[in-house]
């Protein structure tokens, strides 16, 4: 797991910083972004091993960002985990609709976020 790069995309700074702290404590390299607009150049410069993507963001929501990522050659094989407090059935539907690898509930971030990220990175290889 050491050195694997995770991009965290969330419009809430506190949520980003909690995710960063949990993932860095587990040995991940973490880059945080406040919107999906910042991802394009960042992905090309520092390809992440996984993107943790908030669903409910203003302007360009996570669902749309994930659809864009899955459309392009340079990013379509990067695992995307949706990061939200939406009900589990809604998240499962979104995962299937947009081709994301899975989801993590924000409420479980401090409990099993690092384990979930490790699992999805390992199974995407």
C-alpha atoms as a PDB file:
ATOM      1  CA  UNK A   1       0.000   0.000   0.000  1.00  0.00           C
ATOM      2  CA  UNK A   2       2.896   2.333   0.685  1.00  0.00           C
ATOM      3  CA  UNK A   3       3.142   5.115  -1.816  1.00  0.00           C
ATOM      4  CA  UNK A   4      -0.127   4.459  -3.596  1.00  0.00           C
ATOM      5  CA  UNK A   5      -1.686   7.732  -4.692  1.00  0.00           C
ATOM      6  CA  UNK A   6      -5.298   8.586  -3.903  1.00  0.00           C
ATOM      7  CA  UNK A   7      -7.116  11.672  -5.142  1.00  0.00           C
ATOM      8  CA  UNK A   8      -9.900  12.891  -2.817  1.00  0.00           C
ATOM      9  CA  UNK A   9     -12.484  15.128  -4.494  1.00  0.00           C
ATOM     10  CA  UNK A  10     -14.997  16.825  -2.202  1.00  0.00           C
ATOM     11  CA  UNK A  11     -16.331  20.376  -1.975  1.00  0.00           C
ATOM     12  CA  UNK A  12     -16.239  20.255   1.850  1.00  0.00           C
ATOM     13  CA  UNK A  13     -12.785  21.084   3.192  1.00  0.00           C
ATOM     14  CA  UNK A  14     -13.361  19.318   6.520  1.00  0.00           C
ATOM     15  CA  UNK A  15     -14.399  16.101   4.764  1.00  0.00           C
ATOM     16  CA  UNK A  16     -11.307  16.311   2.541  1.00  0.00           C
ATOM     17  CA  UNK A  17      -9.012  16.791   5.517  1.00  0.00           C
ATOM     18  CA  UNK A  18     -10.532  13.894   7.488  1.00  0.00           C
ATOM     19  CA  UNK A  19     -10.137  11.609   4.470  1.00  0.00           C
ATOM     20  CA  UNK A  20      -6.569  12.866   3.960  1.00  0.00           C
ATOM     21  CA  UNK A  21      -5.635  12.191   7.595  1.00  0.00           C
ATOM     22  CA  UNK A  22      -7.120   8.683   7.598  1.00  0.00           C
ATOM     23  CA  UNK A  23      -5.509   7.717   4.292  1.00  0.00           C
ATOM     24  CA  UNK A  24      -2.107   9.255   5.039  1.00  0.00           C
ATOM     25  CA  UNK A  25      -2.044   7.453   8.406  1.00  0.00           C
ATOM     26  CA  UNK A  26      -2.512   4.239   6.410  1.00  0.00           C
ATOM     27  CA  UNK A  27       0.471   5.080   4.161  1.00  0.00           C
ATOM     28  CA  UNK A  28      -1.229   6.514   1.086  1.00  0.00           C
ATOM     29  CA  UNK A  29      -0.059   9.608  -0.784  1.00  0.00           C
ATOM     30  CA  UNK A  30      -3.108  11.875  -0.885  1.00  0.00           C
ATOM     31  CA  UNK A  31      -3.976  14.845  -3.072  1.00  0.00           C
ATOM     32  CA  UNK A  32      -7.203  16.731  -2.350  1.00  0.00           C
ATOM     33  CA  UNK A  33      -9.357  18.733  -4.738  1.00  0.00           C
ATOM     34  CA  UNK A  34     -12.389  20.907  -4.066  1.00  0.00           C
ATOM     35  CA  UNK A  35     -14.040  20.139  -7.417  1.00  0.00           C
ATOM     36  CA  UNK A  36     -13.925  17.813 -10.391  1.00  0.00           C
ATOM     37  CA  UNK A  37     -12.737  20.643 -12.622  1.00  0.00           C
ATOM     38  CA  UNK A  38      -9.234  20.382 -11.145  1.00  0.00           C
ATOM     39  CA  UNK A  39      -8.838  16.675 -11.954  1.00  0.00           C
ATOM     40  CA  UNK A  40      -8.031  16.731 -15.664  1.00  0.00           C
ATOM     41  CA  UNK A  41      -4.546  18.208 -15.466  1.00  0.00           C
ATOM     42  CA  UNK A  42      -3.808  16.546 -12.113  1.00  0.00           C
ATOM     43  CA  UNK A  43      -4.570  13.077 -13.509  1.00  0.00           C
ATOM     44  CA  UNK A  44      -2.268  13.675 -16.444  1.00  0.00           C
ATOM     45  CA  UNK A  45       0.558  14.928 -14.191  1.00  0.00           C
ATOM     46  CA  UNK A  46       0.265  12.480 -11.282  1.00  0.00           C
ATOM     47  CA  UNK A  47      -1.809   9.468 -12.173  1.00  0.00           C
ATOM     48  CA  UNK A  48      -3.692   8.269  -9.067  1.00  0.00           C
ATOM     49  CA  UNK A  49      -4.221   4.636  -8.100  1.00  0.00           C
ATOM     50  CA  UNK A  50      -7.784   5.511  -7.040  1.00  0.00           C
ATOM     51  CA  UNK A  51     -10.153   8.490  -6.955  1.00  0.00           C
ATOM     52  CA  UNK A  52     -12.439   8.991  -3.959  1.00  0.00           C
ATOM     53  CA  UNK A  53     -15.242  11.127  -5.375  1.00  0.00           C
ATOM     54  CA  UNK A  54     -17.981  13.020  -3.562  1.00  0.00           C
ATOM     55  CA  UNK A  55     -21.342  12.608  -5.284  1.00  0.00           C
ATOM     56  CA  UNK A  56     -23.089  15.817  -4.179  1.00  0.00           C
ATOM     57  CA  UNK A  57     -20.998  18.772  -5.367  1.00  0.00           C
ATOM     58  CA  UNK A  58     -22.141  22.100  -6.826  1.00  0.00           C
ATOM     59  CA  UNK A  59     -21.609  22.912 -10.498  1.00  0.00           C
ATOM     60  CA  UNK A  60     -20.188  19.543 -11.557  1.00  0.00           C
ATOM     61  CA  UNK A  61     -21.449  16.669  -9.413  1.00  0.00           C
ATOM     62  CA  UNK A  62     -19.507  13.502  -8.775  1.00  0.00           C
ATOM     63  CA  UNK A  63     -21.822  11.432 -10.951  1.00  0.00           C
ATOM     64  CA  UNK A  64     -20.963  13.577 -13.987  1.00  0.00           C
ATOM     65  CA  UNK A  65     -17.246  13.668 -13.098  1.00  0.00           C
ATOM     66  CA  UNK A  66     -17.178   9.862 -12.914  1.00  0.00           C
ATOM     67  CA  UNK A  67     -18.946   9.548 -16.267  1.00  0.00           C
ATOM     68  CA  UNK A  68     -16.353  11.855 -17.830  1.00  0.00           C
ATOM     69  CA  UNK A  69     -13.456   9.936 -16.249  1.00  0.00           C
ATOM     70  CA  UNK A  70     -14.785   6.613 -17.532  1.00  0.00           C
ATOM     71  CA  UNK A  71     -15.169   8.021 -21.059  1.00  0.00           C
ATOM     72  CA  UNK A  72     -11.530   8.930 -21.729  1.00  0.00           C
ATOM     73  CA  UNK A  73      -8.597   6.625 -22.446  1.00  0.00           C
ATOM     74  CA  UNK A  74      -6.210   8.341 -20.013  1.00  0.00           C
ATOM     75  CA  UNK A  75      -8.572   7.899 -17.046  1.00  0.00           C
ATOM     76  CA  UNK A  76     -11.073   5.126 -17.788  1.00  0.00           C
ATOM     77  CA  UNK A  77      -9.140   2.427 -15.917  1.00  0.00           C
ATOM     78  CA  UNK A  78      -8.582   4.454 -12.724  1.00  0.00           C
ATOM     79  CA  UNK A  79     -10.805   3.011  -9.985  1.00  0.00           C
ATOM     80  CA  UNK A  80     -13.464   5.448  -8.761  1.00  0.00           C
ATOM     81  CA  UNK A  81     -15.112   5.101  -5.352  1.00  0.00           C
ATOM     82  CA  UNK A  82     -18.160   7.245  -4.761  1.00  0.00           C
ATOM     83  CA  UNK A  83     -18.001   8.994  -1.397  1.00  0.00           C
ATOM     84  CA  UNK A  84     -21.377   9.985  -0.009  1.00  0.00           C
ATOM     85  CA  UNK A  85     -24.049   9.761   2.645  1.00  0.00           C
ATOM     86  CA  UNK A  86     -26.749   8.906   0.121  1.00  0.00           C
ATOM     87  CA  UNK A  87     -28.758   5.780   0.969  1.00  0.00           C
ATOM     88  CA  UNK A  88     -26.954   2.567   0.079  1.00  0.00           C
ATOM     89  CA  UNK A  89     -29.478   1.551  -2.603  1.00  0.00           C
ATOM     90  CA  UNK A  90     -29.028   4.906  -4.374  1.00  0.00           C
ATOM     91  CA  UNK A  91     -25.255   4.536  -4.237  1.00  0.00           C
ATOM     92  CA  UNK A  92     -25.439   1.002  -5.650  1.00  0.00           C
ATOM     93  CA  UNK A  93     -27.581   2.289  -8.523  1.00  0.00           C
ATOM     94  CA  UNK A  94     -25.128   5.111  -9.221  1.00  0.00           C
ATOM     95  CA  UNK A  95     -22.155   2.728  -9.145  1.00  0.00           C
ATOM     96  CA  UNK A  96     -23.835   0.558 -11.785  1.00  0.00           C
ATOM     97  CA  UNK A  97     -25.015   3.512 -13.867  1.00  0.00           C
ATOM     98  CA  UNK A  98     -21.655   5.247 -14.154  1.00  0.00           C
ATOM     99  CA  UNK A  99     -19.298   2.290 -13.969  1.00  0.00           C
ATOM    100  CA  UNK A 100     -17.649   3.220 -10.684  1.00  0.00           C
ATOM    101  CA  UNK A 101     -15.950   0.428  -8.762  1.00  0.00           C
ATOM    102  CA  UNK A 102     -17.885   0.941  -5.550  1.00  0.00           C
ATOM    103  CA  UNK A 103     -18.748   3.379  -2.797  1.00  0.00           C
ATOM    104  CA  UNK A 104     -17.790   4.345   0.737  1.00  0.00           C
ATOM    105  CA  UNK A 105     -20.177   6.033   3.136  1.00  0.00           C
ATOM    106  CA  UNK A 106     -18.718   9.196   4.661  1.00  0.00           C
ATOM    107  CA  UNK A 107     -20.004   8.152   8.077  1.00  0.00           C
ATOM    108  CA  UNK A 108     -17.680   5.139   7.994  1.00  0.00           C
ATOM    109  CA  UNK A 109     -14.668   7.166   6.851  1.00  0.00           C
ATOM    110  CA  UNK A 110     -12.757   6.938  10.087  1.00  0.00           C
ATOM    111  CA  UNK A 111     -13.577   3.254  10.532  1.00  0.00           C
ATOM    112  CA  UNK A 112     -12.855   1.525   7.245  1.00  0.00           C
ATOM    113  CA  UNK A 113     -11.954   4.101   4.601  1.00  0.00           C
ATOM    114  CA  UNK A 114      -8.332   2.953   4.285  1.00  0.00           C
ATOM    115  CA  UNK A 115      -9.394  -0.708   4.140  1.00  0.00           C
ATOM    116  CA  UNK A 116     -11.957   0.010   1.420  1.00  0.00           C
ATOM    117  CA  UNK A 117      -9.459   2.024  -0.629  1.00  0.00           C
ATOM    118  CA  UNK A 118      -6.841  -0.745  -0.287  1.00  0.00           C
ATOM    119  CA  UNK A 119      -9.391  -3.356  -1.330  1.00  0.00           C
ATOM    120  CA  UNK A 120     -10.451  -1.515  -4.482  1.00  0.00           C
ATOM    121  CA  UNK A 121      -6.893  -0.696  -5.504  1.00  0.00           C
ATOM    122  CA  UNK A 122      -5.872  -4.357  -5.063  1.00  0.00           C
ATOM    123  CA  UNK A 123      -8.830  -5.601  -7.085  1.00  0.00           C
ATOM    124  CA  UNK A 124      -8.349  -3.140  -9.927  1.00  0.00           C
ATOM    125  CA  UNK A 125      -4.957  -4.465 -10.955  1.00  0.00           C
END
